[in-house]
Amino acid sequence: MNMIVLMTAAGAPLAMLGLSTPVAPQRDCVFMIHPQITSAVFESKEGKIVFPDRPTEYPYSYARMKDGADIAFTNQNGWRFEVRIGRGDEGTWKASLADDAVSGRAFSPFGDRK
């Protein structure tokens, strides 16, 4: 898995999460703007959380399980992201900070190729 597409809960394209795949323990990821994002989604709460300032690489954890994979990292504004991709290459994402949270759908268009 080297890319995950994040969408809002309503299914609007939001971002692509690019994942590096070097040998653990160091892995980094970076958000890229989805080419089909609208200005309304970019200015939404989800957009402001995913794209808070400038593109930044984040160290992430990757756990492969028999029913999929879990990716987790914290962005520069302290939002904790958790992405779960199931065996069918579809899943969910959630970002949380204190008592606030946003979530949406996710999928890995190229599957999990280690």
C-alpha atoms as a PDB file:
ATOM      1  CA  MET A   1       0.000   0.000   0.000  1.00  0.00           C
ATOM      2  CA  ASN A   2       1.583   3.272  -1.042  1.00  0.00           C
ATOM      3  CA  MET A   3      -1.402   5.596  -1.466  1.00  0.00           C
ATOM      4  CA  ILE A   4      -4.724   6.016   0.291  1.00  0.00           C
ATOM      5  CA  VAL A   5      -7.507   8.256  -0.956  1.00  0.00           C
ATOM      6  CA  LEU A   6      -9.419  10.073   1.790  1.00  0.00           C
ATOM      7  CA  MET A   7     -12.971  11.297   1.267  1.00  0.00           C
ATOM      8  CA  THR A   8     -15.372  13.196   3.475  1.00  0.00           C
ATOM      9  CA  ALA A   9     -18.133  11.280   5.252  1.00  0.00           C
ATOM     10  CA  ALA A  10     -20.410  12.337   2.358  1.00  0.00           C
ATOM     11  CA  GLY A  11     -17.980  10.800  -0.165  1.00  0.00           C
ATOM     12  CA  ALA A  12     -16.426  13.978  -1.610  1.00  0.00           C
ATOM     13  CA  PRO A  13     -12.755  13.590  -2.654  1.00  0.00           C
ATOM     14  CA  LEU A  14     -10.445  15.256  -0.141  1.00  0.00           C
ATOM     15  CA  ALA A  15      -6.833  14.087  -0.204  1.00  0.00           C
ATOM     16  CA  MET A  16      -4.377  11.437  -1.216  1.00  0.00           C
ATOM     17  CA  LEU A  17      -2.118  10.150   1.536  1.00  0.00           C
ATOM     18  CA  GLY A  18       1.213   9.071   0.087  1.00  0.00           C
ATOM     19  CA  LEU A  19       3.072   6.472   2.156  1.00  0.00           C
ATOM     20  CA  SER A  20       6.777   5.748   1.937  1.00  0.00           C
ATOM     21  CA  THR A  21       7.643   2.097   2.183  1.00  0.00           C
ATOM     22  CA  PRO A  22      11.183   1.867   3.488  1.00  0.00           C
ATOM     23  CA  VAL A  23      12.207  -0.782   5.930  1.00  0.00           C
ATOM     24  CA  ALA A  24      10.706  -0.111   9.344  1.00  0.00           C
ATOM     25  CA  PRO A  25      11.157   1.551  11.802  1.00  0.00           C
ATOM     26  CA  GLN A  26      11.102   4.800   9.775  1.00  0.00           C
ATOM     27  CA  ARG A  27       8.127   5.398   7.521  1.00  0.00           C
ATOM     28  CA  ASP A  28       6.828   8.802   6.426  1.00  0.00           C
ATOM     29  CA  CYS A  29       3.585   9.958   4.843  1.00  0.00           C
ATOM     30  CA  VAL A  30       2.411  13.197   3.254  1.00  0.00           C
ATOM     31  CA  PHE A  31      -0.988  14.563   2.206  1.00  0.00           C
ATOM     32  CA  MET A  32      -1.517  15.655  -1.385  1.00  0.00           C
ATOM     33  CA  ILE A  33      -4.576  17.537  -2.602  1.00  0.00           C
ATOM     34  CA  HIS A  34      -6.932  15.240  -4.490  1.00  0.00           C
ATOM     35  CA  PRO A  35      -7.239  16.434  -8.114  1.00  0.00           C
ATOM     36  CA  GLN A  36     -11.058  16.407  -7.867  1.00  0.00           C
ATOM     37  CA  ILE A  37     -11.335  18.397  -4.624  1.00  0.00           C
ATOM     38  CA  THR A  38     -13.755  21.310  -4.680  1.00  0.00           C
ATOM     39  CA  SER A  39     -13.119  24.667  -3.037  1.00  0.00           C
ATOM     40  CA  ALA A  40     -16.007  23.969  -0.637  1.00  0.00           C
ATOM     41  CA  VAL A  41     -14.350  20.744   0.556  1.00  0.00           C
ATOM     42  CA  PHE A  42     -10.925  22.416   0.767  1.00  0.00           C
ATOM     43  CA  GLU A  43     -12.424  25.157   2.984  1.00  0.00           C
ATOM     44  CA  SER A  44     -14.455  22.682   5.075  1.00  0.00           C
ATOM     45  CA  LYS A  45     -13.487  21.557   8.569  1.00  0.00           C
ATOM     46  CA  GLU A  46     -12.030  18.335   7.152  1.00  0.00           C
ATOM     47  CA  GLY A  47      -9.991  20.290   4.600  1.00  0.00           C
ATOM     48  CA  LYS A  48      -8.569  22.618   7.229  1.00  0.00           C
ATOM     49  CA  ILE A  49      -7.553  19.665   9.412  1.00  0.00           C
ATOM     50  CA  VAL A  50      -5.959  17.668   6.581  1.00  0.00           C
ATOM     51  CA  PHE A  51      -4.271  20.729   5.013  1.00  0.00           C
ATOM     52  CA  PRO A  52      -3.506  22.999   8.004  1.00  0.00           C
ATOM     53  CA  ASP A  53      -0.504  24.885   6.655  1.00  0.00           C
ATOM     54  CA  ARG A  54       2.029  23.532   4.224  1.00  0.00           C
ATOM     55  CA  PRO A  55       2.818  19.987   3.035  1.00  0.00           C
ATOM     56  CA  THR A  56       4.631  18.192   5.832  1.00  0.00           C
ATOM     57  CA  GLU A  57       5.967  14.659   6.108  1.00  0.00           C
ATOM     58  CA  TYR A  58       4.754  12.766   9.155  1.00  0.00           C
ATOM     59  CA  PRO A  59       6.296   9.646  10.654  1.00  0.00           C
ATOM     60  CA  TYR A  60       3.583   6.985  10.784  1.00  0.00           C
ATOM     61  CA  SER A  61       2.981   3.560  12.221  1.00  0.00           C
ATOM     62  CA  TYR A  62       1.777   0.738  10.013  1.00  0.00           C
ATOM     63  CA  ALA A  63       0.253  -2.443  11.372  1.00  0.00           C
ATOM     64  CA  ARG A  64      -0.739  -5.190   8.992  1.00  0.00           C
ATOM     65  CA  MET A  65      -3.404  -7.562  10.231  1.00  0.00           C
ATOM     66  CA  LYS A  66      -5.233 -10.471   8.661  1.00  0.00           C
ATOM     67  CA  ASP A  67      -8.276  -8.284   7.981  1.00  0.00           C
ATOM     68  CA  GLY A  68      -6.389  -5.251   6.617  1.00  0.00           C
ATOM     69  CA  ALA A  69      -4.006  -2.538   7.787  1.00  0.00           C
ATOM     70  CA  ASP A  70      -3.956   0.315  10.302  1.00  0.00           C
ATOM     71  CA  ILE A  71      -1.993   3.522   9.738  1.00  0.00           C
ATOM     72  CA  ALA A  72      -1.621   6.176  12.447  1.00  0.00           C
ATOM     73  CA  PHE A  73       0.190   9.514  12.754  1.00  0.00           C
ATOM     74  CA  THR A  74      -0.144  12.984  14.270  1.00  0.00           C
ATOM     75  CA  ASN A  75      -0.034  16.125  12.124  1.00  0.00           C
ATOM     76  CA  GLN A  76       1.744  19.395  12.956  1.00  0.00           C
ATOM     77  CA  ASN A  77      -1.370  20.789  14.677  1.00  0.00           C
ATOM     78  CA  GLY A  78      -1.740  17.812  17.011  1.00  0.00           C
ATOM     79  CA  TRP A  79      -4.582  16.025  15.182  1.00  0.00           C
ATOM     80  CA  ARG A  80      -4.230  12.249  15.552  1.00  0.00           C
ATOM     81  CA  PHE A  81      -5.100  10.426  12.326  1.00  0.00           C
ATOM     82  CA  GLU A  82      -6.140   6.787  12.247  1.00  0.00           C
ATOM     83  CA  VAL A  83      -6.732   5.106   8.903  1.00  0.00           C
ATOM     84  CA  ARG A  84      -8.095   1.571   8.633  1.00  0.00           C
ATOM     85  CA  ILE A  85      -8.099  -0.230   5.313  1.00  0.00           C
ATOM     86  CA  GLY A  86      -9.825  -3.605   5.122  1.00  0.00           C
ATOM     87  CA  ARG A  87      -9.029  -6.573   2.928  1.00  0.00           C
ATOM     88  CA  GLY A  88     -11.233  -5.161   0.169  1.00  0.00           C
ATOM     89  CA  ASP A  89      -9.014  -2.048  -0.028  1.00  0.00           C
ATOM     90  CA  GLU A  90     -11.777   0.110   1.481  1.00  0.00           C
ATOM     91  CA  GLY A  91     -11.980   1.553   4.955  1.00  0.00           C
ATOM     92  CA  THR A  92     -12.305   4.636   7.103  1.00  0.00           C
ATOM     93  CA  TRP A  93     -10.252   7.478   8.499  1.00  0.00           C
ATOM     94  CA  LYS A  94     -10.638   9.541  11.639  1.00  0.00           C
ATOM     95  CA  ALA A  95      -8.807  12.586  12.960  1.00  0.00           C
ATOM     96  CA  SER A  96      -9.193  13.589  16.597  1.00  0.00           C
ATOM     97  CA  LEU A  97      -7.926  16.348  18.851  1.00  0.00           C
ATOM     98  CA  ALA A  98      -9.125  16.401  22.466  1.00  0.00           C
ATOM     99  CA  ASP A  99     -12.935  16.081  22.274  1.00  0.00           C
ATOM    100  CA  ASP A 100     -13.184  17.072  18.600  1.00  0.00           C
ATOM    101  CA  ALA A 101     -13.179  14.570  15.725  1.00  0.00           C
ATOM    102  CA  VAL A 102     -13.872  14.271  12.018  1.00  0.00           C
ATOM    103  CA  SER A 103     -14.055  11.119   9.931  1.00  0.00           C
ATOM    104  CA  GLY A 104     -14.707   9.844   6.461  1.00  0.00           C
ATOM    105  CA  ARG A 105     -14.208   7.062   3.978  1.00  0.00           C
ATOM    106  CA  ALA A 106     -10.888   5.791   2.643  1.00  0.00           C
ATOM    107  CA  PHE A 107      -9.648   3.391   0.023  1.00  0.00           C
ATOM    108  CA  SER A 108      -6.366   2.161  -1.350  1.00  0.00           C
ATOM    109  CA  PRO A 109      -6.645   2.258  -5.156  1.00  0.00           C
ATOM    110  CA  PHE A 110      -3.567   0.055  -5.668  1.00  0.00           C
ATOM    111  CA  GLY A 111      -4.184  -2.388  -2.827  1.00  0.00           C
ATOM    112  CA  ASP A 112      -1.716  -3.575  -0.221  1.00  0.00           C
ATOM    113  CA  ARG A 113       1.498  -4.518  -1.953  1.00  0.00           C
ATOM    114  CA  LYS A 114       3.615  -4.395   1.207  1.00  0.00           C
END
